[in-house]
Amino acid sequence: MSRTIPLDEIGREVRGIIAGTLRRPVEQVPLTASLEGGLGIDSMAMIEINIGLEERFRFAMPEMASPAEANLKTVEDLARFVAAQLDRQTGRSA
């Protein structure tokens, strides 16, 4: 079974969640933006983003204090991570 949400849509959703958490327009959250260096996402913001992702995509995010802990550097990395979690949840390997 394949993921029901295309990667580009996951990217848009992830960008929207990040933008909402950081209280800035989604246009200021490109896929290429660095999570920590470019957007300044700290551990508290990461917790809020994780909660937003869990609520939107209905899966449990692994505990991580920072994006670097999960080897996530950019918004696109996070979108791909979410896609892999969704694939895993539906029984398909990422």
Protein backbone atom coordinates (compact mmCIF):
# COMPACT_ATOMS: atom_id res chain seq x y z
CA MET A 1 0.00 0.00 0.00
CA SER A 2 1.43 3.41 -0.89
CA ARG A 3 1.29 6.68 0.93
CA THR A 4 -2.00 8.44 0.24
CA ILE A 5 -0.56 11.96 0.53
CA PRO A 6 1.91 13.08 -2.16
CA LEU A 7 5.29 14.41 -0.99
CA ASP A 8 4.62 17.92 -2.34
CA GLU A 9 1.42 18.10 -0.29
CA ILE A 10 3.25 16.82 2.79
CA GLY A 11 5.82 19.57 2.17
CA ARG A 12 3.09 22.22 2.03
CA GLU A 13 1.52 20.90 5.25
CA VAL A 14 4.89 20.77 7.04
CA ARG A 15 5.69 24.32 5.91
CA GLY A 16 2.29 25.48 7.17
CA ILE A 17 2.78 23.86 10.57
CA ILE A 18 6.26 25.38 10.91
CA ALA A 19 5.01 28.81 9.79
CA GLY A 20 2.16 28.66 12.31
CA THR A 21 4.50 27.64 15.11
CA LEU A 22 6.95 30.42 14.28
CA ARG A 23 4.13 32.91 13.63
CA ARG A 24 5.40 33.93 10.22
CA PRO A 25 4.01 33.71 6.68
CA VAL A 26 4.41 30.34 4.99
CA GLU A 27 6.32 32.11 2.19
CA GLN A 28 9.12 32.64 4.74
CA VAL A 29 9.41 28.87 5.26
CA PRO A 30 10.83 27.45 2.01
CA LEU A 31 11.61 23.74 1.71
CA THR A 32 15.30 24.62 1.47
CA ALA A 33 15.37 26.53 4.78
CA SER A 34 17.62 25.23 7.52
CA LEU A 35 15.49 24.25 10.51
CA GLU A 36 17.86 25.45 13.22
CA GLY A 37 20.19 27.91 11.51
CA GLY A 38 17.80 29.46 9.00
CA LEU A 39 14.50 29.35 10.84
CA GLY A 40 15.85 29.35 14.40
CA ILE A 41 13.81 26.35 15.54
CA ASP A 42 14.74 25.55 19.13
CA SER A 43 13.69 22.61 21.30
CA MET A 44 10.42 24.27 22.39
CA ALA A 45 9.44 25.09 18.81
CA MET A 46 10.35 21.53 17.76
CA ILE A 47 7.95 20.15 20.38
CA GLU A 48 5.15 22.37 19.03
CA ILE A 49 5.96 21.34 15.46
CA ASN A 50 5.95 17.65 16.45
CA ILE A 51 2.53 18.04 18.08
CA GLY A 52 1.23 19.80 14.96
CA LEU A 53 2.60 17.03 12.73
CA GLU A 54 1.11 14.32 14.95
CA GLU A 55 -2.31 15.99 14.92
CA ARG A 56 -2.28 16.61 11.17
CA PHE A 57 -0.91 13.26 10.01
CA ARG A 58 -2.22 11.06 12.84
CA PHE A 59 1.00 9.30 13.81
CA ALA A 60 3.42 9.51 16.71
CA MET A 61 6.59 11.45 16.06
CA PRO A 62 9.68 10.03 17.71
CA GLU A 63 10.93 12.00 20.69
CA MET A 64 13.59 14.44 19.58
CA ALA A 65 14.86 17.49 21.37
CA SER A 66 16.21 19.07 18.21
CA PRO A 67 16.05 18.56 14.45
CA ALA A 68 19.76 17.67 14.44
CA GLU A 69 19.06 14.76 16.78
CA ALA A 70 17.05 13.11 13.99
CA ASN A 71 19.56 14.25 11.34
CA LEU A 72 17.02 16.71 9.93
CA LYS A 73 18.63 19.82 8.51
CA THR A 74 16.02 21.41 6.23
CA VAL A 75 12.25 21.74 5.97
CA GLU A 76 12.42 19.27 3.07
CA ASP A 77 14.27 16.75 5.29
CA LEU A 78 11.41 17.02 7.79
CA ALA A 79 8.81 16.57 5.02
CA ARG A 80 10.63 13.45 3.77
CA PHE A 81 10.85 12.19 7.37
CA VAL A 82 7.06 12.61 7.73
CA ALA A 83 6.54 10.81 4.39
CA ALA A 84 8.71 7.92 5.60
CA GLN A 85 6.73 7.72 8.85
CA LEU A 86 3.48 7.62 6.87
CA ASP A 87 4.88 4.90 4.59
CA ARG A 88 5.93 2.90 7.64
CA GLN A 89 2.48 3.35 9.16
CA THR A 90 0.79 2.02 6.01
CA GLY A 91 3.13 -0.96 5.87
CA ARG A 92 5.32 0.17 3.00
CA SER A 93 9.06 0.61 3.41
CA ALA A 94 10.33 4.11 2.78
